[in-house]
PDB file of all heavy atoms in Angstrom:
ATOM      1  N   GLU A   1      92.117  75.257 -12.653  1.00  0.00           N
ATOM      2  CA  GLU A   1      93.233  76.186 -12.468  1.00  0.00           C
ATOM      3  C   GLU A   1      92.916  77.216 -11.391  1.00  0.00           C
ATOM      4  O   GLU A   1      93.783  77.573 -10.584  1.00  0.00           O
ATOM      5  CB  GLU A   1      93.559  76.872 -13.792  1.00  0.00           C
ATOM      6  CG  GLU A   1      94.124  75.929 -14.852  1.00  0.00           C
ATOM      7  CD  GLU A   1      94.379  76.631 -16.170  1.00  0.00           C
ATOM      8  OE1 GLU A   1      93.918  77.798 -16.315  1.00  0.00           O
ATOM      9  OE2 GLU A   1      95.013  76.029 -17.053  1.00  0.00           O
ATOM     10  N   PHE A   2      91.670  77.689 -11.383  1.00  0.00           N
ATOM     11  CA  PHE A   2      91.281  78.713 -10.405  1.00  0.00           C
ATOM     12  C   PHE A   2      91.463  78.209  -8.978  1.00  0.00           C
ATOM     13  O   PHE A   2      92.094  78.867  -8.148  1.00  0.00           O
ATOM     14  CB  PHE A   2      89.825  79.124 -10.647  1.00  0.00           C
ATOM     15  CG  PHE A   2      89.291  80.093  -9.626  1.00  0.00           C
ATOM     16  CD1 PHE A   2      89.444  81.453  -9.792  1.00  0.00           C
ATOM     17  CD2 PHE A   2      88.632  79.632  -8.496  1.00  0.00           C
ATOM     18  CE1 PHE A   2      88.965  82.348  -8.847  1.00  0.00           C
ATOM     19  CE2 PHE A   2      88.148  80.522  -7.548  1.00  0.00           C
ATOM     20  CZ  PHE A   2      88.309  81.881  -7.726  1.00  0.00           C
ATOM     21  N   TYR A   3      90.900  77.037  -8.675  1.00  0.00           N
ATOM     22  CA  TYR A   3      90.955  76.544  -7.298  1.00  0.00           C
ATOM     23  C   TYR A   3      92.345  76.050  -6.920  1.00  0.00           C
ATOM     24  O   TYR A   3      92.721  76.092  -5.741  1.00  0.00           O
ATOM     25  CB  TYR A   3      89.885  75.468  -7.085  1.00  0.00           C
ATOM     26  CG  TYR A   3      88.514  76.076  -6.947  1.00  0.00           C
ATOM     27  CD1 TYR A   3      87.622  76.090  -8.017  1.00  0.00           C
ATOM     28  CD2 TYR A   3      88.124  76.689  -5.761  1.00  0.00           C
ATOM     29  CE1 TYR A   3      86.379  76.685  -7.898  1.00  0.00           C
ATOM     30  CE2 TYR A   3      86.879  77.288  -5.631  1.00  0.00           C
ATOM     31  CZ  TYR A   3      86.013  77.278  -6.702  1.00  0.00           C
ATOM     32  OH  TYR A   3      84.790  77.885  -6.577  1.00  0.00           O
ATOM     33  N   ASN A   4      93.115  75.609  -7.884  1.00  0.00           N
ATOM     34  CA  ASN A   4      94.510  75.265  -7.592  1.00  0.00           C
ATOM     35  C   ASN A   4      95.317  76.504  -7.225  1.00  0.00           C
ATOM     36  O   ASN A   4      96.182  76.469  -6.347  1.00  0.00           O
ATOM     37  CB  ASN A   4      95.151  74.575  -8.799  1.00  0.00           C
ATOM     38  CG  ASN A   4      94.677  73.144  -8.964  1.00  0.00           C
ATOM     39  OD1 ASN A   4      94.154  72.542  -8.024  1.00  0.00           O
ATOM     40  ND2 ASN A   4      94.847  72.596 -10.153  1.00  0.00           N
ATOM     41  N   GLU A   5      95.038  77.615  -7.898  1.00  0.00           N
ATOM     42  CA  GLU A   5      95.788  78.852  -7.666  1.00  0.00           C
ATOM     43  C   GLU A   5      95.380  79.561  -6.377  1.00  0.00           C
ATOM     44  O   GLU A   5      96.222  80.100  -5.659  1.00  0.00           O
ATOM     45  CB  GLU A   5      95.612  79.802  -8.862  1.00  0.00           C
ATOM     46  CG  GLU A   5      96.274  79.318 -10.136  1.00  0.00           C
ATOM     47  CD  GLU A   5      95.945  80.207 -11.323  1.00  0.00           C
ATOM     48  OE1 GLU A   5      95.342  81.279 -11.116  1.00  0.00           O
ATOM     49  OE2 GLU A   5      96.278  79.833 -12.463  1.00  0.00           O
ATOM     50  N   CYS A   6      94.083  79.572  -6.088  1.00  0.00           N
ATOM     51  CA  CYS A   6      93.624  80.331  -4.913  1.00  0.00           C
ATOM     52  C   CYS A   6      93.758  79.535  -3.623  1.00  0.00           C
ATOM     53  O   CYS A   6      93.706  80.109  -2.530  1.00  0.00           O
ATOM     54  CB  CYS A   6      92.187  80.799  -5.089  1.00  0.00           C
ATOM     55  SG  CYS A   6      90.960  79.481  -5.026  1.00  0.00           S
ATOM     56  N   GLY A   7      93.940  78.223  -3.743  1.00  0.00           N
ATOM     57  CA  GLY A   7      94.177  77.408  -2.559  1.00  0.00           C
ATOM     58  C   GLY A   7      92.950  77.112  -1.727  1.00  0.00           C
ATOM     59  O   GLY A   7      93.066  76.670  -0.583  1.00  0.00           O
ATOM     60  N   ILE A   8      91.765  77.346  -2.255  1.00  0.00           N
ATOM     61  CA  ILE A   8      90.531  77.043  -1.531  1.00  0.00           C
ATOM     62  C   ILE A   8      90.074  75.631  -1.904  1.00  0.00           C
ATOM     63  O   ILE A   8      89.821  75.358  -3.077  1.00  0.00           O
ATOM     64  CB  ILE A   8      89.420  78.050  -1.882  1.00  0.00           C
ATOM     65  CG1 ILE A   8      89.838  79.463  -1.485  1.00  0.00           C
ATOM     66  CG2 ILE A   8      88.107  77.669  -1.183  1.00  0.00           C
ATOM     67  CD1 ILE A   8      88.846  80.541  -1.903  1.00  0.00           C
ATOM     68  N   PRO A   9      89.980  74.711  -0.951  1.00  0.00           N
ATOM     69  CA  PRO A   9      89.541  73.343  -1.261  1.00  0.00           C
ATOM     70  C   PRO A   9      88.104  73.341  -1.787  1.00  0.00           C
ATOM     71  O   PRO A   9      87.233  74.001  -1.211  1.00  0.00           O
ATOM     72  CB  PRO A   9      89.639  72.617   0.087  1.00  0.00           C
ATOM     73  CG  PRO A   9      90.523  73.474   0.936  1.00  0.00           C
ATOM     74  CD  PRO A   9      90.311  74.877   0.484  1.00  0.00           C
ATOM     75  N   THR A  10      87.884  72.632  -2.853  1.00  0.00           N
ATOM     76  CA  THR A  10      86.530  72.583  -3.427  1.00  0.00           C
ATOM     77  C   THR A  10      85.542  71.923  -2.473  1.00  0.00           C
ATOM     78  O   THR A  10      84.335  72.159  -2.559  1.00  0.00           O
ATOM     79  CB  THR A  10      86.539  71.832  -4.764  1.00  0.00           C
ATOM     80  OG1 THR A  10      87.066  70.507  -4.565  1.00  0.00           O
ATOM     81  CG2 THR A  10      87.411  72.557  -5.786  1.00  0.00           C
ATOM     82  N   SER A  11      86.046  71.104  -1.546  1.00  0.00           N
ATOM     83  CA  SER A  11      85.165  70.454  -0.580  1.00  0.00           C
ATOM     84  C   SER A  11      84.564  71.448   0.405  1.00  0.00           C
ATOM     85  O   SER A  11      83.583  71.146   1.085  1.00  0.00           O
ATOM     86  CB  SER A  11      85.937  69.373   0.185  1.00  0.00           C
ATOM     87  OG  SER A  11      87.056  69.943   0.854  1.00  0.00           O
ATOM     88  N   CYS A  12      85.153  72.655   0.479  1.00  0.00           N
ATOM     89  CA  CYS A  12      84.654  73.693   1.391  1.00  0.00           C
ATOM     90  C   CYS A  12      83.509  74.496   0.792  1.00  0.00           C
ATOM     91  O   CYS A  12      82.886  75.317   1.479  1.00  0.00           O
ATOM     92  CB  CYS A  12      85.782  74.642   1.774  1.00  0.00           C
ATOM     93  SG  CYS A  12      87.093  73.867   2.746  1.00  0.00           S
ATOM     94  N   LEU A  13      83.238  74.311  -0.480  1.00  0.00           N
ATOM     95  CA  LEU A  13      82.207  75.094  -1.149  1.00  0.00           C
ATOM     96  C   LEU A  13      80.817  74.638  -0.732  1.00  0.00           C
ATOM     97  O   LEU A  13      80.526  73.435  -0.686  1.00  0.00           O
ATOM     98  CB  LEU A  13      82.350  74.969  -2.670  1.00  0.00           C
ATOM     99  CG  LEU A  13      83.674  75.448  -3.281  1.00  0.00           C
ATOM    100  CD1 LEU A  13      83.687  75.176  -4.780  1.00  0.00           C
ATOM    101  CD2 LEU A  13      83.888  76.923  -3.003  1.00  0.00           C
ATOM    102  N   ASP A  14      79.956  75.587  -0.434  1.00  0.00           N
ATOM    103  CA  ASP A  14      78.568  75.290  -0.092  1.00  0.00           C
ATOM    104  C   ASP A  14      77.622  75.590  -1.251  1.00  0.00           C
ATOM    105  O   ASP A  14      76.591  74.933  -1.402  1.00  0.00           O
ATOM    106  CB  ASP A  14      78.128  76.108   1.121  1.00  0.00           C
ATOM    107  CG  ASP A  14      78.890  75.720   2.373  1.00  0.00           C
ATOM    108  OD1 ASP A  14      79.130  74.520   2.568  1.00  0.00           O
ATOM    109  OD2 ASP A  14      79.249  76.631   3.147  1.00  0.00           O
ATOM    110  N   TYR A  15      77.992  76.607  -2.046  1.00  0.00           N
ATOM    111  CA  TYR A  15      77.068  77.070  -3.088  1.00  0.00           C
ATOM    112  C   TYR A  15      77.849  77.641  -4.275  1.00  0.00           C
ATOM    113  O   TYR A  15      78.899  78.261  -4.096  1.00  0.00           O
ATOM    114  CB  TYR A  15      76.140  78.158  -2.521  1.00  0.00           C
ATOM    115  CG  TYR A  15      75.241  78.796  -3.551  1.00  0.00           C
ATOM    116  CD1 TYR A  15      74.085  78.153  -3.983  1.00  0.00           C
ATOM    117  CD2 TYR A  15      75.553  80.037  -4.105  1.00  0.00           C
ATOM    118  CE1 TYR A  15      73.259  78.744  -4.935  1.00  0.00           C
ATOM    119  CE2 TYR A  15      74.737  80.629  -5.055  1.00  0.00           C
ATOM    120  CZ  TYR A  15      73.591  79.971  -5.473  1.00  0.00           C
ATOM    121  OH  TYR A  15      72.791  80.549  -6.419  1.00  0.00           O
ATOM    122  N   ILE A  16      77.350  77.413  -5.462  1.00  0.00           N
ATOM    123  CA  ILE A  16      77.921  77.973  -6.685  1.00  0.00           C
ATOM    124  C   ILE A  16      76.840  78.759  -7.423  1.00  0.00           C
ATOM    125  O   ILE A  16      75.767  78.216  -7.724  1.00  0.00           O
ATOM    126  CB  ILE A  16      78.460  76.870  -7.625  1.00  0.00           C
ATOM    127  CG1 ILE A  16      79.707  76.229  -7.031  1.00  0.00           C
ATOM    128  CG2 ILE A  16      78.783  77.443  -9.003  1.00  0.00           C
ATOM    129  CD1 ILE A  16      80.923  77.120  -6.999  1.00  0.00           C
ATOM    130  N   GLU A  17      77.094  80.019  -7.672  1.00  0.00           N
ATOM    131  CA  GLU A  17      76.206  80.825  -8.503  1.00  0.00           C
ATOM    132  C   GLU A  17      76.666  80.654  -9.950  1.00  0.00           C
ATOM    133  O   GLU A  17      77.720  81.150 -10.339  1.00  0.00           O
ATOM    134  CB  GLU A  17      76.250  82.291  -8.088  1.00  0.00           C
ATOM    135  CG  GLU A  17      75.473  83.240  -8.988  1.00  0.00           C
ATOM    136  CD  GLU A  17      73.972  83.003  -8.983  1.00  0.00           C
ATOM    137  OE1 GLU A  17      73.450  82.349  -8.047  1.00  0.00           O
ATOM    138  OE2 GLU A  17      73.301  83.485  -9.930  1.00  0.00           O
ATOM    139  N   ALA A  18      75.901  79.932 -10.721  1.00  0.00           N
ATOM    140  CA  ALA A  18      76.292  79.566 -12.080  1.00  0.00           C
ATOM    141  C   ALA A  18      75.762  80.558 -13.111  1.00  0.00           C
ATOM    142  O   ALA A  18      74.901  81.382 -12.818  1.00  0.00           O
ATOM    143  CB  ALA A  18      75.783  78.158 -12.399  1.00  0.00           C
ATOM    144  N   HIS A  19      76.297  80.454 -14.323  1.00  0.00           N
ATOM    145  CA  HIS A  19      75.828  81.304 -15.417  1.00  0.00           C
ATOM    146  C   HIS A  19      74.377  80.952 -15.736  1.00  0.00           C
ATOM    147  O   HIS A  19      73.528  81.828 -15.836  1.00  0.00           O
ATOM    148  CB  HIS A  19      76.723  81.096 -16.637  1.00  0.00           C
ATOM    149  CG  HIS A  19      76.449  82.032 -17.762  1.00  0.00           C
ATOM    150  ND1 HIS A  19      76.328  83.400 -17.587  1.00  0.00           N
ATOM    151  CD2 HIS A  19      76.268  81.808 -19.095  1.00  0.00           C
ATOM    152  CE1 HIS A  19      76.090  83.980 -18.752  1.00  0.00           C
ATOM    153  NE2 HIS A  19      76.039  83.034 -19.678  1.00  0.00           N
ATOM    154  N   GLY A  20      74.085  79.682 -15.917  1.00  0.00           N
ATOM    155  CA  GLY A  20      72.723  79.147 -15.993  1.00  0.00           C
ATOM    156  C   GLY A  20      71.716  79.957 -16.764  1.00  0.00           C
ATOM    157  O   GLY A  20      70.826  80.558 -16.170  1.00  0.00           O
ATOM    158  N   THR A  21      71.805  79.963 -18.080  1.00  0.00           N
ATOM    159  CA  THR A  21      70.929  80.806 -18.896  1.00  0.00           C
ATOM    160  C   THR A  21      69.593  80.157 -19.229  1.00  0.00           C
ATOM    161  O   THR A  21      68.705  80.818 -19.765  1.00  0.00           O
ATOM    162  CB  THR A  21      71.625  81.171 -20.211  1.00  0.00           C
ATOM    163  OG1 THR A  21      71.985  79.968 -20.902  1.00  0.00           O
ATOM    164  CG2 THR A  21      72.862  82.005 -19.957  1.00  0.00           C
ATOM    165  N   GLY A  22      69.450  78.871 -18.965  1.00  0.00           N
ATOM    166  CA  GLY A  22      68.209  78.203 -19.329  1.00  0.00           C
ATOM    167  C   GLY A  22      68.171  77.785 -20.791  1.00  0.00           C
ATOM    168  O   GLY A  22      67.091  77.562 -21.340  1.00  0.00           O
ATOM    169  N   THR A  23      69.333  77.666 -21.420  1.00  0.00           N
ATOM    170  CA  THR A  23      69.413  77.213 -22.815  1.00  0.00           C
ATOM    171  C   THR A  23      69.995  75.811 -22.857  1.00  0.00           C
ATOM    172  O   THR A  23      70.873  75.458 -22.062  1.00  0.00           O
ATOM    173  CB  THR A  23      70.302  78.149 -23.656  1.00  0.00           C
ATOM    174  OG1 THR A  23      71.631  78.153 -23.123  1.00  0.00           O
ATOM    175  CG2 THR A  23      69.745  79.566 -23.641  1.00  0.00           C
ATOM    176  N   LYS A  24      69.549  75.023 -23.808  1.00  0.00           N
ATOM    177  CA  LYS A  24      70.008  73.644 -23.907  1.00  0.00           C
ATOM    178  C   LYS A  24      71.429  73.564 -24.452  1.00  0.00           C
ATOM    179  O   LYS A  24      72.085  72.524 -24.333  1.00  0.00           O
ATOM    180  CB  LYS A  24      69.042  72.849 -24.780  1.00  0.00           C
ATOM    181  CG  LYS A  24      67.658  72.716 -24.156  1.00  0.00           C
ATOM    182  CD  LYS A  24      66.712  71.881 -24.998  1.00  0.00           C
ATOM    183  CE  LYS A  24      65.358  71.741 -24.301  1.00  0.00           C
ATOM    184  NZ  LYS A  24      64.391  70.947 -25.104  1.00  0.00           N
ATOM    185  N   ALA A  25      71.898  74.652 -25.038  1.00  0.00           N
ATOM    186  CA  ALA A  25      73.277  74.674 -25.522  1.00  0.00           C
ATOM    187  C   ALA A  25      74.249  75.033 -24.408  1.00  0.00           C
ATOM    188  O   ALA A  25      75.392  74.568 -24.404  1.00  0.00           O
ATOM    189  CB  ALA A  25      73.416  75.675 -26.667  1.00  0.00           C
ATOM    190  N   GLY A  26      73.804  75.856 -23.442  1.00  0.00           N
ATOM    191  CA  GLY A  26      74.708  76.365 -22.430  1.00  0.00           C
ATOM    192  C   GLY A  26      74.699  75.636 -21.103  1.00  0.00           C
ATOM    193  O   GLY A  26      75.754  75.436 -20.489  1.00  0.00           O
ATOM    194  N   ASP A  27      73.517  75.208 -20.636  1.00  0.00           N
ATOM    195  CA  ASP A  27      73.425  74.628 -19.294  1.00  0.00           C
ATOM    196  C   ASP A  27      74.115  73.270 -19.143  1.00  0.00           C
ATOM    197  O   ASP A  27      74.841  73.056 -18.170  1.00  0.00           O
ATOM    198  CB  ASP A  27      71.958  74.516 -18.877  1.00  0.00           C
ATOM    199  CG  ASP A  27      71.357  75.868 -18.514  1.00  0.00           C
ATOM    200  OD1 ASP A  27      72.064  76.886 -18.678  1.00  0.00           O
ATOM    201  OD2 ASP A  27      70.196  75.910 -18.085  1.00  0.00           O
ATOM    202  N   PRO A  28      73.914  72.311 -20.054  1.00  0.00           N
ATOM    203  CA  PRO A  28      74.556  70.997 -19.878  1.00  0.00           C
ATOM    204  C   PRO A  28      76.083  71.047 -19.800  1.00  0.00           C
ATOM    205  O   PRO A  28      76.669  70.408 -18.910  1.00  0.00           O
ATOM    206  CB  PRO A  28      74.077  70.211 -21.111  1.00  0.00           C
ATOM    207  CG  PRO A  28      72.766  70.833 -21.458  1.00  0.00           C
ATOM    208  CD  PRO A  28      72.954  72.290 -21.177  1.00  0.00           C
ATOM    209  N   PRO A  29      76.789  71.805 -20.672  1.00  0.00           N
ATOM    210  CA  PRO A  29      78.246  71.882 -20.524  1.00  0.00           C
ATOM    211  C   PRO A  29      78.681  72.495 -19.197  1.00  0.00           C
ATOM    212  O   PRO A  29      79.679  72.072 -18.606  1.00  0.00           O
ATOM    213  CB  PRO A  29      78.668  72.772 -21.700  1.00  0.00           C
ATOM    214  CG  PRO A  29      77.574  72.679 -22.682  1.00  0.00           C
ATOM    215  CD  PRO A  29      76.324  72.528 -21.879  1.00  0.00           C
ATOM    216  N   GLU A  30      77.922  73.482 -18.712  1.00  0.00           N
ATOM    217  CA  GLU A  30      78.294  74.114 -17.455  1.00  0.00           C
ATOM    218  C   GLU A  30      78.098  73.162 -16.283  1.00  0.00           C
ATOM    219  O   GLU A  30      78.960  73.056 -15.400  1.00  0.00           O
ATOM    220  CB  GLU A  30      77.466  75.391 -17.234  1.00  0.00           C
ATOM    221  CG  GLU A  30      77.884  76.156 -15.993  1.00  0.00           C
ATOM    222  CD  GLU A  30      77.144  77.469 -15.821  1.00  0.00           C
ATOM    223  OE1 GLU A  30      76.097  77.656 -16.475  1.00  0.00           O
ATOM    224  OE2 GLU A  30      77.609  78.303 -15.024  1.00  0.00           O
ATOM    225  N   ILE A  31      76.967  72.459 -16.272  1.00  0.00           N
ATOM    226  CA  ILE A  31      76.709  71.491 -15.210  1.00  0.00           C
ATOM    227  C   ILE A  31      77.762  70.390 -15.228  1.00  0.00           C
ATOM    228  O   ILE A  31      78.241  69.928 -14.180  1.00  0.00           O
ATOM    229  CB  ILE A  31      75.304  70.889 -15.363  1.00  0.00           C
ATOM    230  CG1 ILE A  31      74.254  71.858 -14.825  1.00  0.00           C
ATOM    231  CG2 ILE A  31      75.188  69.569 -14.622  1.00  0.00           C
ATOM    232  CD1 ILE A  31      74.307  72.049 -13.330  1.00  0.00           C
ATOM    233  N   SER A  32      78.143  69.961 -16.419  1.00  0.00           N
ATOM    234  CA  SER A  32      79.152  68.914 -16.549  1.00  0.00           C
ATOM    235  C   SER A  32      80.489  69.359 -15.961  1.00  0.00           C
ATOM    236  O   SER A  32      81.144  68.609 -15.226  1.00  0.00           O
ATOM    237  CB  SER A  32      79.328  68.539 -18.024  1.00  0.00           C
ATOM    238  OG  SER A  32      80.343  67.574 -18.187  1.00  0.00           O
ATOM    239  N   ALA A  33      80.884  70.610 -16.258  1.00  0.00           N
ATOM    240  CA  ALA A  33      82.153  71.135 -15.740  1.00  0.00           C
ATOM    241  C   ALA A  33      82.112  71.248 -14.222  1.00  0.00           C
ATOM    242  O   ALA A  33      83.074  70.879 -13.523  1.00  0.00           O
ATOM    243  CB  ALA A  33      82.450  72.489 -16.368  1.00  0.00           C
TER     244      ALA A  33
END
């Protein structure tokens, strides 16, 4: 929804600063998304 609304093509992205807490409960779902 975010990228559809802001109109920025995801192919233009170079880097994503993720939440990335280092927990096995949190990191896999985030990486998957």
